[in-house]
Amino acid sequence: MKYTPEAGFPYYFDFVKNMNCQSIFSSSSTITFLNSISEEKAMYRYEPAKWSIKQVLGHLIDHERIMTFRAFLMSRNESVELWGYDQLFLIENSRFDALTLKELITDFVNVRRASVSFIEGLSEKQLNIKGMARQYEVTLEEFLKSIIGHEQHHINILKERYF
């Protein structure tokens, strides 16, 4: 069965399922790509109602913050369903387009460093803790990998539709 982005977890996990969790969070490929974008291009939308590149980056930052917090709760055996969030509401109430691309990249790097620090402190036992992401039972490691899978999904869209 082929999943779509609307399916959430399984779609994003498929991008990175055979990769090492620490290495995918330590990869600099997204940062290298983002640094290749000009400030002018960062305001581009491939259709008027679509997000600007800055807003896509802001969404990636929001997503990683939210999902890493949920991963933190899961790592402590907090019995919580890994609920969704309203990405459109978050974008509409942000000021990503008012920030410079450099400011957003700095924020992205800082969030990623915090994620890497968190992941490096996890034990093998913690990475195997199971929880629910929508209707799917997942390990903490799978849930973490889906954060990067989500990122890869959006980077692919940027490369295909914005450039």
Foldseek 3Di string as FASTA:
>chain_A
DADDCVVPQVNLLVVDVVHDLLVLLVDCVVVVVLVVDDQVLQQDDLDPVGHGVLLLLVLLLVLLVLLLVVLVCLLVVNQDASDDDDSVVVSVPDPSNVDTSVVSSVSVVVSSVVSSVVVVPGDPVSQQRWHHHPNDIDGSSSSSSSSSSVVVVSVVCCVPRSD
